[in-house]
N, C-alpha and C. Protein backbone atom coordinates (compact mmCIF):
# COMPACT_ATOMS: atom_id res chain seq x y z
N MET A 1 17.12 1.39 21.89
CA MET A 1 15.83 1.67 21.34
C MET A 1 15.85 1.35 19.93
N ALA A 2 14.59 1.00 19.54
CA ALA A 2 14.29 0.58 18.18
C ALA A 2 14.40 1.49 17.01
N ARG A 3 15.36 1.22 15.99
CA ARG A 3 15.07 2.07 14.96
C ARG A 3 13.85 1.79 13.80
N VAL A 4 13.32 3.10 13.59
CA VAL A 4 12.08 3.03 12.79
C VAL A 4 12.27 4.10 11.53
N ILE A 5 12.23 3.54 10.44
CA ILE A 5 12.24 4.09 9.06
C ILE A 5 11.03 4.23 8.27
N LEU A 6 10.62 5.35 7.84
CA LEU A 6 9.48 5.42 6.92
C LEU A 6 10.00 5.74 5.69
N PHE A 7 9.35 5.09 4.72
CA PHE A 7 10.00 5.03 3.18
C PHE A 7 9.14 5.25 2.17
N ASN A 8 9.03 6.05 1.30
CA ASN A 8 7.85 6.07 0.20
C ASN A 8 8.39 5.09 -0.72
N LYS A 9 7.92 3.95 -1.01
CA LYS A 9 8.37 3.07 -1.94
C LYS A 9 7.79 3.58 -3.48
N PRO A 10 8.82 3.79 -4.20
CA PRO A 10 8.26 4.31 -5.68
C PRO A 10 7.54 3.04 -6.26
N PHE A 11 6.90 3.23 -7.48
CA PHE A 11 6.29 2.18 -8.57
C PHE A 11 7.46 1.38 -8.75
N GLY A 12 7.51 -0.02 -8.97
CA GLY A 12 8.68 -0.75 -9.55
C GLY A 12 9.25 -1.22 -8.64
N VAL A 13 9.51 -0.64 -7.42
CA VAL A 13 10.70 -1.15 -6.36
C VAL A 13 10.12 -2.56 -5.67
N LEU A 14 10.85 -3.44 -5.39
CA LEU A 14 10.45 -4.62 -4.67
C LEU A 14 10.65 -4.26 -3.22
N SER A 15 9.67 -4.76 -2.25
CA SER A 15 9.89 -4.48 -0.82
C SER A 15 10.87 -5.38 -0.30
N GLN A 16 11.99 -5.76 -0.65
CA GLN A 16 12.93 -6.61 -0.11
C GLN A 16 14.27 -5.87 -0.62
N PHE A 17 15.40 -6.41 0.21
CA PHE A 17 16.73 -5.73 -0.13
C PHE A 17 17.40 -6.35 -1.12
N THR A 18 17.16 -7.52 -1.63
CA THR A 18 17.65 -8.19 -2.59
C THR A 18 16.69 -8.93 -3.69
N ASP A 19 17.14 -9.13 -4.99
CA ASP A 19 16.33 -9.79 -5.90
C ASP A 19 17.00 -11.09 -6.32
N ALA A 20 17.14 -12.13 -5.70
CA ALA A 20 17.77 -13.22 -6.38
C ALA A 20 16.97 -14.08 -7.51
N ARG A 21 15.74 -13.72 -7.48
CA ARG A 21 14.97 -14.62 -8.39
C ARG A 21 14.99 -14.07 -10.05
N SER A 22 15.25 -12.98 -10.18
CA SER A 22 15.23 -12.40 -11.62
C SER A 22 16.72 -12.39 -12.20
N PRO A 23 16.86 -12.86 -13.52
CA PRO A 23 17.58 -12.83 -14.13
C PRO A 23 18.14 -11.34 -14.44
N THR A 24 17.45 -10.19 -14.64
CA THR A 24 17.36 -9.04 -14.87
C THR A 24 17.27 -8.45 -13.48
N PRO A 25 18.27 -7.60 -12.91
CA PRO A 25 18.32 -6.87 -11.70
C PRO A 25 17.15 -5.62 -11.77
N ARG A 26 16.24 -6.03 -10.66
CA ARG A 26 15.28 -4.98 -10.27
C ARG A 26 15.62 -4.07 -9.24
N PRO A 27 14.86 -2.90 -9.19
CA PRO A 27 15.10 -2.06 -8.00
C PRO A 27 14.61 -2.62 -6.68
N THR A 28 15.43 -2.56 -5.52
CA THR A 28 15.02 -3.04 -4.30
C THR A 28 15.21 -2.14 -3.38
N LEU A 29 14.74 -2.34 -2.22
CA LEU A 29 14.97 -1.11 -1.02
C LEU A 29 16.43 -0.85 -1.06
N SER A 30 17.42 -1.96 -1.27
CA SER A 30 18.95 -1.27 -1.09
C SER A 30 19.22 -0.28 -2.16
N SER A 31 18.69 -0.07 -3.23
CA SER A 31 18.48 1.02 -4.23
C SER A 31 18.50 2.18 -3.50
N TYR A 32 17.90 2.53 -2.33
CA TYR A 32 17.38 3.68 -1.70
C TYR A 32 17.79 3.72 -0.26
N ILE A 33 18.01 2.61 0.37
CA ILE A 33 18.24 2.55 1.81
C ILE A 33 19.17 2.09 2.25
N ASP A 34 20.49 2.50 2.82
CA ASP A 34 21.56 1.85 3.43
C ASP A 34 21.77 1.94 4.77
N VAL A 35 21.02 1.23 5.41
CA VAL A 35 21.03 1.31 6.78
C VAL A 35 21.05 -0.09 7.35
N PRO A 36 22.10 -0.53 7.74
CA PRO A 36 22.25 -2.15 8.05
C PRO A 36 21.26 -2.40 9.35
N GLY A 37 20.74 -3.76 9.29
CA GLY A 37 19.89 -4.13 10.38
C GLY A 37 18.48 -3.91 10.15
N VAL A 38 17.97 -3.03 9.38
CA VAL A 38 16.53 -3.04 9.46
C VAL A 38 15.79 -3.83 8.35
N TYR A 39 14.68 -4.08 8.76
CA TYR A 39 13.96 -5.05 7.80
C TYR A 39 12.42 -4.38 7.58
N PRO A 40 11.74 -4.60 6.32
CA PRO A 40 10.36 -4.01 6.32
C PRO A 40 9.28 -4.89 7.09
N ALA A 41 8.57 -4.00 7.53
CA ALA A 41 7.55 -4.80 8.37
C ALA A 41 6.17 -4.71 7.68
N GLY A 42 5.96 -5.89 6.85
CA GLY A 42 5.07 -5.97 5.74
C GLY A 42 5.94 -5.77 4.22
N ARG A 43 4.59 -5.69 3.29
CA ARG A 43 5.28 -5.76 2.02
C ARG A 43 4.15 -4.55 1.29
N LEU A 44 4.74 -4.29 0.28
CA LEU A 44 3.95 -3.86 -0.80
C LEU A 44 4.41 -4.06 -2.24
N ASP A 45 3.25 -4.45 -3.10
CA ASP A 45 3.60 -5.28 -4.27
C ASP A 45 4.55 -4.21 -5.13
N ARG A 46 5.07 -4.67 -5.88
CA ARG A 46 6.05 -3.99 -7.07
C ARG A 46 5.31 -2.89 -7.44
N ASP A 47 3.91 -3.20 -8.17
CA ASP A 47 3.08 -2.03 -8.68
C ASP A 47 2.52 -1.32 -7.95
N SER A 48 2.78 -1.26 -6.39
CA SER A 48 2.12 -0.27 -5.67
C SER A 48 3.12 0.30 -5.14
N GLU A 49 2.67 1.66 -4.61
CA GLU A 49 3.55 2.75 -4.11
C GLU A 49 3.22 3.00 -2.78
N GLY A 50 3.94 3.85 -2.04
CA GLY A 50 3.80 4.36 -0.64
C GLY A 50 4.52 3.75 0.55
N LEU A 51 4.05 3.88 1.46
CA LEU A 51 4.59 3.94 2.95
C LEU A 51 5.00 2.45 3.08
N ILE A 52 6.66 2.31 3.45
CA ILE A 52 6.88 1.16 3.93
C ILE A 52 7.18 1.49 5.36
N VAL A 53 6.98 0.72 6.24
CA VAL A 53 7.82 0.99 7.88
C VAL A 53 8.78 -0.07 7.73
N LEU A 54 10.20 0.24 8.28
CA LEU A 54 11.24 -0.64 8.50
C LEU A 54 11.76 -0.54 9.84
N THR A 55 12.19 -1.56 10.41
CA THR A 55 12.59 -1.52 11.79
C THR A 55 13.77 -2.46 12.20
N ASP A 56 14.37 -2.36 13.22
CA ASP A 56 15.48 -3.52 13.49
C ASP A 56 14.90 -4.31 14.73
N ASP A 57 13.93 -3.89 15.02
CA ASP A 57 13.08 -4.53 16.38
C ASP A 57 12.07 -5.80 15.88
N GLY A 58 12.31 -6.98 15.96
CA GLY A 58 11.56 -8.05 15.42
C GLY A 58 10.17 -8.09 16.15
N ARG A 59 10.07 -7.67 17.35
CA ARG A 59 8.68 -7.57 18.14
C ARG A 59 7.70 -6.38 17.45
N LEU A 60 8.51 -5.44 17.12
CA LEU A 60 7.82 -4.38 16.40
C LEU A 60 7.46 -4.52 15.04
N GLN A 61 8.16 -5.23 14.42
CA GLN A 61 8.22 -5.69 13.04
C GLN A 61 6.77 -6.62 13.02
N ALA A 62 6.65 -7.47 13.93
CA ALA A 62 5.60 -8.61 13.95
C ALA A 62 4.43 -7.84 14.40
N ARG A 63 4.67 -6.87 15.34
CA ARG A 63 3.30 -6.26 15.68
C ARG A 63 2.65 -5.40 14.30
N ILE A 64 3.52 -4.91 13.61
CA ILE A 64 3.16 -4.12 12.65
C ILE A 64 2.46 -4.89 11.40
N ALA A 65 3.14 -5.97 11.23
CA ALA A 65 2.95 -6.77 10.14
C ALA A 65 1.68 -8.02 10.20
N ASP A 66 1.54 -8.41 11.49
CA ASP A 66 0.81 -9.57 11.80
C ASP A 66 -0.92 -8.81 12.13
N PRO A 67 -1.67 -9.50 11.25
CA PRO A 67 -3.02 -9.10 11.35
C PRO A 67 -3.57 -9.31 12.49
N ARG A 68 -3.21 -10.12 13.43
CA ARG A 68 -3.93 -10.18 14.76
C ARG A 68 -3.80 -9.02 15.54
N HIS A 69 -2.76 -8.13 15.18
CA HIS A 69 -2.93 -6.76 15.88
C HIS A 69 -3.77 -6.00 15.27
N LYS A 70 -4.47 -6.05 14.17
CA LYS A 70 -5.19 -5.17 13.52
C LYS A 70 -5.09 -3.81 13.61
N LEU A 71 -3.70 -3.56 13.17
CA LEU A 71 -3.02 -2.20 12.82
C LEU A 71 -3.61 -1.85 11.56
N SER A 72 -4.22 -0.64 11.51
CA SER A 72 -4.93 -0.05 10.33
C SER A 72 -4.04 0.63 9.41
N LYS A 73 -4.26 0.13 7.92
CA LYS A 73 -3.33 0.70 7.12
C LYS A 73 -4.58 1.45 6.02
N CYS A 74 -3.82 2.83 5.36
CA CYS A 74 -4.89 3.31 5.05
C CYS A 74 -4.25 3.76 3.45
N TYR A 75 -5.03 3.41 2.36
CA TYR A 75 -4.51 3.26 1.09
C TYR A 75 -5.37 4.48 0.00
N LEU A 76 -4.99 5.10 -0.68
CA LEU A 76 -5.47 5.89 -1.77
C LEU A 76 -5.60 5.05 -2.79
N VAL A 77 -6.65 4.85 -3.58
CA VAL A 77 -7.08 3.76 -4.57
C VAL A 77 -7.58 4.28 -5.88
N GLN A 78 -6.82 4.43 -7.06
CA GLN A 78 -7.72 5.05 -8.07
C GLN A 78 -8.19 3.70 -8.85
N VAL A 79 -9.34 3.87 -9.07
CA VAL A 79 -10.07 2.53 -9.80
C VAL A 79 -10.72 2.95 -10.95
N GLU A 80 -10.81 1.94 -11.79
CA GLU A 80 -11.47 2.19 -13.11
C GLU A 80 -12.85 2.09 -13.11
N GLY A 81 -13.61 3.05 -13.42
CA GLY A 81 -14.98 3.18 -13.23
C GLY A 81 -15.40 4.21 -12.45
N ALA A 82 -16.69 4.02 -12.09
CA ALA A 82 -17.23 5.22 -11.10
C ALA A 82 -18.24 4.41 -10.15
N PRO A 83 -17.70 4.02 -8.96
CA PRO A 83 -18.38 3.28 -7.97
C PRO A 83 -19.23 4.33 -7.19
N LYS A 84 -20.63 3.78 -6.70
CA LYS A 84 -21.49 4.31 -6.06
C LYS A 84 -21.30 3.81 -4.58
N ASP A 85 -21.81 4.65 -3.75
CA ASP A 85 -21.72 4.39 -2.26
C ASP A 85 -22.20 2.67 -2.04
N ALA A 86 -23.18 2.36 -2.93
CA ALA A 86 -23.51 1.18 -2.56
C ALA A 86 -22.36 0.12 -2.80
N ASP A 87 -21.74 0.56 -3.86
CA ASP A 87 -20.59 -0.47 -4.16
C ASP A 87 -19.58 -0.60 -3.14
N LEU A 88 -19.46 0.66 -2.47
CA LEU A 88 -18.55 1.01 -1.23
C LEU A 88 -19.01 0.11 -0.10
N GLN A 89 -20.25 0.30 0.00
CA GLN A 89 -20.85 -0.58 1.25
C GLN A 89 -20.53 -2.03 0.97
N LYS A 90 -20.35 -2.68 0.19
CA LYS A 90 -19.89 -3.98 0.17
C LYS A 90 -18.46 -4.11 0.61
N LEU A 91 -17.58 -3.30 0.61
CA LEU A 91 -16.23 -3.38 1.37
C LEU A 91 -16.24 -3.02 2.63
N ARG A 92 -17.27 -1.96 3.09
CA ARG A 92 -17.60 -1.60 4.25
C ARG A 92 -18.20 -3.15 5.03
N ASP A 93 -18.82 -3.79 4.33
CA ASP A 93 -19.47 -4.79 5.03
C ASP A 93 -18.41 -6.20 4.95
N GLY A 94 -17.38 -6.15 4.06
CA GLY A 94 -16.40 -7.45 4.05
C GLY A 94 -16.95 -8.13 2.92
N VAL A 95 -15.93 -8.41 1.91
CA VAL A 95 -16.23 -9.26 0.76
C VAL A 95 -15.72 -10.59 1.02
N THR A 96 -15.87 -11.63 0.26
CA THR A 96 -15.50 -13.00 0.22
C THR A 96 -14.66 -13.25 -1.11
N LEU A 97 -13.46 -13.15 -0.74
CA LEU A 97 -12.44 -13.72 -1.69
C LEU A 97 -11.99 -14.89 -1.61
N LYS A 98 -11.19 -15.44 -2.77
CA LYS A 98 -11.02 -16.81 -2.89
C LYS A 98 -10.27 -17.56 -1.35
N ASP A 99 -9.49 -16.61 -0.89
CA ASP A 99 -8.77 -16.94 0.54
C ASP A 99 -9.72 -16.53 1.69
N GLY A 100 -11.07 -16.40 1.23
CA GLY A 100 -12.02 -16.16 2.41
C GLY A 100 -12.52 -14.76 2.80
N PRO A 101 -13.33 -14.60 3.62
CA PRO A 101 -13.73 -13.11 3.94
C PRO A 101 -12.74 -12.28 4.47
N THR A 102 -12.93 -10.84 4.09
CA THR A 102 -12.06 -10.07 4.52
C THR A 102 -12.87 -9.40 5.60
N ARG A 103 -12.12 -8.80 6.55
CA ARG A 103 -12.74 -7.88 7.80
C ARG A 103 -13.47 -6.65 6.67
N PRO A 104 -14.17 -6.19 7.79
CA PRO A 104 -15.12 -5.07 7.26
C PRO A 104 -13.82 -3.92 6.91
N ALA A 105 -14.01 -3.21 5.90
CA ALA A 105 -13.06 -1.76 5.67
C ALA A 105 -13.80 -0.63 5.85
N LYS A 106 -12.89 0.24 5.83
CA LYS A 106 -13.68 1.62 5.74
C LYS A 106 -13.28 2.12 4.24
N ALA A 107 -14.31 2.59 3.67
CA ALA A 107 -14.31 3.05 2.53
C ALA A 107 -15.11 4.11 2.27
N ARG A 108 -14.35 5.29 1.47
CA ARG A 108 -15.06 6.44 0.93
C ARG A 108 -14.63 6.88 -0.36
N LEU A 109 -15.47 7.61 -1.09
CA LEU A 109 -14.95 8.08 -2.23
C LEU A 109 -14.26 9.56 -1.93
N ILE A 110 -13.00 9.82 -2.60
CA ILE A 110 -12.31 11.19 -2.20
C ILE A 110 -12.05 11.84 -3.56
N ASP A 111 -11.84 12.72 -3.58
CA ASP A 111 -11.40 14.04 -4.71
C ASP A 111 -9.96 13.45 -4.97
N PRO A 112 -9.66 13.52 -6.15
CA PRO A 112 -8.12 13.14 -6.51
C PRO A 112 -7.13 13.52 -5.63
N PRO A 113 -6.26 12.88 -4.92
CA PRO A 113 -5.22 13.44 -4.07
C PRO A 113 -3.93 14.14 -4.99
N ASN A 114 -3.29 15.08 -4.15
CA ASN A 114 -2.36 15.67 -4.64
C ASN A 114 -0.85 14.84 -4.49
N LEU A 115 -0.89 13.99 -5.26
CA LEU A 115 0.36 13.16 -5.43
C LEU A 115 1.34 13.38 -6.46
N TRP A 116 2.46 12.99 -6.34
CA TRP A 116 3.49 12.85 -7.37
C TRP A 116 2.96 12.59 -8.61
N GLU A 117 3.73 12.58 -10.01
CA GLU A 117 3.60 11.81 -10.91
C GLU A 117 4.12 10.38 -10.96
N ARG A 118 3.46 9.40 -11.42
CA ARG A 118 3.92 7.96 -11.36
C ARG A 118 4.76 7.82 -12.60
N ASP A 119 5.68 7.01 -12.63
CA ASP A 119 6.50 6.66 -13.81
C ASP A 119 6.80 5.11 -13.60
N PRO A 120 5.90 4.59 -14.96
CA PRO A 120 5.06 5.07 -15.80
C PRO A 120 3.84 5.65 -15.66
N PRO A 121 3.12 6.42 -16.19
CA PRO A 121 2.01 7.05 -15.69
C PRO A 121 0.80 5.92 -15.81
N VAL A 122 -0.21 6.36 -15.10
CA VAL A 122 -1.46 5.10 -15.17
C VAL A 122 -2.06 5.62 -16.55
N ARG A 123 -2.48 4.47 -17.43
CA ARG A 123 -3.19 4.48 -18.46
C ARG A 123 -4.54 5.33 -18.41
N PHE A 124 -4.44 6.03 -19.31
CA PHE A 124 -5.96 7.15 -19.29
C PHE A 124 -6.65 6.76 -20.64
N ARG A 125 -8.01 6.51 -20.34
CA ARG A 125 -9.01 5.95 -21.57
C ARG A 125 -9.97 7.29 -21.44
N LYS A 126 -10.53 8.18 -22.33
CA LYS A 126 -11.56 8.99 -22.32
C LYS A 126 -12.66 8.56 -22.37
N SER A 127 -13.01 7.30 -22.68
CA SER A 127 -14.40 6.52 -22.56
C SER A 127 -14.64 5.75 -21.39
N VAL A 128 -13.67 5.58 -20.32
CA VAL A 128 -13.80 5.07 -19.26
C VAL A 128 -13.45 6.09 -18.04
N PRO A 129 -14.30 6.18 -17.10
CA PRO A 129 -14.14 7.20 -16.12
C PRO A 129 -13.31 6.39 -14.84
N ASP A 130 -12.67 7.32 -14.15
CA ASP A 130 -12.17 6.63 -12.92
C ASP A 130 -12.39 7.60 -11.66
N ARG A 131 -12.24 6.78 -10.47
CA ARG A 131 -12.32 7.66 -9.36
C ARG A 131 -11.16 7.05 -8.28
N TRP A 132 -11.42 8.03 -7.33
CA TRP A 132 -10.18 7.66 -6.30
C TRP A 132 -11.17 7.15 -4.95
N ILE A 133 -10.83 6.46 -4.21
CA ILE A 133 -11.55 5.87 -2.94
C ILE A 133 -10.23 5.90 -2.00
N GLU A 134 -10.63 5.98 -0.73
CA GLU A 134 -9.89 5.97 0.40
C GLU A 134 -10.20 4.46 1.05
N ILE A 135 -9.54 3.68 1.04
CA ILE A 135 -9.79 2.48 1.91
C ILE A 135 -8.78 2.14 3.13
N VAL A 136 -9.14 1.77 4.07
CA VAL A 136 -8.70 1.40 5.34
C VAL A 136 -8.80 0.13 5.85
N ILE A 137 -7.90 -0.74 5.84
CA ILE A 137 -8.07 -2.12 6.32
C ILE A 137 -7.28 -2.50 7.27
N SER A 138 -7.45 -3.54 8.20
CA SER A 138 -6.59 -4.06 9.18
C SER A 138 -6.28 -5.17 9.12
N GLU A 139 -6.02 -5.87 8.06
CA GLU A 139 -5.50 -6.97 7.59
C GLU A 139 -4.35 -6.58 6.38
N GLY A 140 -3.66 -7.55 5.74
CA GLY A 140 -2.84 -7.37 4.93
C GLY A 140 -2.77 -8.66 3.74
N ARG A 141 -3.48 -9.10 3.45
CA ARG A 141 -3.46 -10.26 2.47
C ARG A 141 -2.76 -9.85 1.03
N ASN A 142 -2.18 -10.90 0.64
CA ASN A 142 -1.47 -10.72 -0.75
C ASN A 142 -2.40 -9.83 -1.79
N ARG A 143 -2.14 -8.89 -2.24
CA ARG A 143 -2.78 -8.11 -3.30
C ARG A 143 -4.32 -7.71 -2.81
N GLN A 144 -4.33 -7.81 -1.38
CA GLN A 144 -5.77 -7.67 -0.91
C GLN A 144 -6.71 -6.18 -1.57
N VAL A 145 -6.32 -5.21 -1.49
CA VAL A 145 -6.94 -3.90 -1.89
C VAL A 145 -7.30 -4.35 -3.27
N ARG A 146 -6.45 -4.78 -4.21
CA ARG A 146 -6.61 -4.81 -5.61
C ARG A 146 -7.52 -5.76 -5.88
N ARG A 147 -7.52 -6.66 -5.14
CA ARG A 147 -8.53 -8.15 -5.26
C ARG A 147 -10.04 -7.64 -4.54
N MET A 148 -10.11 -6.79 -3.72
CA MET A 148 -11.13 -6.15 -3.09
C MET A 148 -12.20 -5.48 -3.98
N THR A 149 -11.27 -4.48 -4.69
CA THR A 149 -11.76 -3.63 -5.61
C THR A 149 -12.27 -4.15 -6.91
N ALA A 150 -11.49 -5.30 -7.41
CA ALA A 150 -11.82 -5.96 -8.62
C ALA A 150 -13.02 -6.74 -8.23
N HIS A 151 -13.11 -7.43 -6.90
CA HIS A 151 -14.49 -8.01 -6.60
C HIS A 151 -15.69 -7.19 -6.76
N ILE A 152 -15.62 -6.10 -6.52
CA ILE A 152 -16.93 -5.09 -6.55
C ILE A 152 -17.12 -4.61 -8.16
N GLY A 153 -16.03 -4.78 -8.83
CA GLY A 153 -16.34 -4.68 -10.18
C GLY A 153 -15.33 -3.19 -10.70
N PHE A 154 -14.36 -2.73 -9.90
CA PHE A 154 -13.61 -1.78 -10.17
C PHE A 154 -12.23 -1.66 -10.24
N PRO A 155 -11.40 -2.49 -11.00
CA PRO A 155 -10.11 -2.92 -11.08
C PRO A 155 -9.41 -1.50 -10.69
N THR A 156 -8.35 -1.99 -9.85
CA THR A 156 -7.28 -0.55 -9.57
C THR A 156 -6.38 -0.45 -10.39
N LEU A 157 -6.10 0.98 -10.79
CA LEU A 157 -5.05 1.42 -11.69
C LEU A 157 -3.98 1.77 -10.82
N ARG A 158 -4.25 2.49 -9.89
CA ARG A 158 -3.14 2.97 -8.90
C ARG A 158 -3.42 2.79 -7.31
N LEU A 159 -2.30 2.40 -6.92
CA LEU A 159 -2.53 2.14 -5.35
C LEU A 159 -1.50 2.67 -4.47
N VAL A 160 -1.77 3.52 -3.55
CA VAL A 160 -0.65 4.02 -2.94
C VAL A 160 -1.01 4.09 -1.11
N ARG A 161 -0.06 3.20 -0.63
CA ARG A 161 -0.30 3.19 0.85
C ARG A 161 0.00 4.30 1.47
N TRP A 162 -0.79 5.31 2.16
CA TRP A 162 -0.58 6.61 2.68
C TRP A 162 -0.26 6.38 4.26
N ARG A 163 -1.03 5.64 5.03
CA ARG A 163 -0.82 5.66 6.42
C ARG A 163 -0.73 3.88 7.15
N VAL A 164 0.27 3.67 8.01
CA VAL A 164 0.32 2.49 8.59
C VAL A 164 0.24 2.80 10.03
N GLY A 165 -0.92 2.55 10.73
CA GLY A 165 -1.08 3.00 12.27
C GLY A 165 -1.08 4.56 12.15
N ASP A 166 -0.30 4.99 12.78
CA ASP A 166 0.14 6.52 13.01
C ASP A 166 0.53 7.32 12.38
N TRP A 167 1.57 6.27 11.54
CA TRP A 167 2.63 6.89 10.72
C TRP A 167 2.25 7.04 9.32
N SER A 168 2.60 8.25 8.61
CA SER A 168 2.10 8.54 7.30
C SER A 168 3.03 8.88 6.45
N LEU A 169 3.08 9.24 5.37
CA LEU A 169 3.69 9.34 4.25
C LEU A 169 4.03 11.18 4.07
N ASP A 170 3.56 11.63 5.00
CA ASP A 170 3.52 13.29 4.97
C ASP A 170 4.93 13.83 4.71
N ARG A 171 4.91 14.47 3.73
CA ARG A 171 6.09 15.30 2.89
C ARG A 171 7.20 14.19 2.77
N LEU A 172 6.99 13.08 2.62
CA LEU A 172 8.05 12.08 1.74
C LEU A 172 7.78 11.88 0.33
N SER A 173 8.83 12.51 -0.24
CA SER A 173 8.54 12.16 -1.84
C SER A 173 9.12 10.74 -2.25
N PRO A 174 8.82 10.49 -3.47
CA PRO A 174 9.19 8.90 -3.90
C PRO A 174 10.61 8.60 -3.71
N GLY A 175 11.11 7.61 -3.06
CA GLY A 175 12.34 7.12 -2.88
C GLY A 175 12.90 8.00 -1.55
N GLY A 176 12.37 8.77 -1.17
CA GLY A 176 12.69 9.32 0.03
C GLY A 176 12.37 8.48 1.57
N TRP A 177 13.23 8.75 2.56
CA TRP A 177 12.89 8.00 3.83
C TRP A 177 13.35 9.13 5.07
N ARG A 178 12.91 8.61 5.98
CA ARG A 178 13.26 9.56 7.25
C ARG A 178 13.17 8.40 8.41
N GLU A 179 14.19 8.57 9.42
CA GLU A 179 14.13 7.88 10.68
C GLU A 179 13.37 8.51 11.67
N ILE A 180 12.41 7.91 12.34
CA ILE A 180 11.71 8.47 13.61
C ILE A 180 11.93 7.88 14.76
N SER A 181 11.61 8.38 15.82
CA SER A 181 11.75 7.61 17.03
C SER A 181 10.66 6.72 17.27
N ALA A 182 10.75 5.50 17.62
CA ALA A 182 9.68 4.45 17.85
C ALA A 182 8.73 4.81 18.97
């Protein structure tokens, strides 16, 4: 039976178990998870937070990470500025980034979610509004959600992956993890 672990990756943590490239050690998955033989199915940037699914099953790992399987991923995204529905429609239609067009996304404005405090906190400017968007995509290019929001004129301030397929962060605090049945 495959092992599946849901992990709430904190801001600043690398989505890998080692950090061989940096002369100054940075926190990695091994700082939080001491389970042999599991590997992340997909990645989250160091400056993103939220759900990472780890497994010891290579086929499951590929099914989660490979965009051909169109597994949905839901992100809660705080952006700089105040996008309107017409701005979000561009995401729903799909935007063309430097590496090609994206698949259509689901995008909607949401109220600020009840999340944990981020360390360090997101910068706050009185003169510039910010809004929260829920974005659901079925692919996972490098920094894709950040590039999509920037493309429509609203840079990402905070990005939290809330859900991968049917798995969610529900009741997992930053740095916390739980094993579930596959």
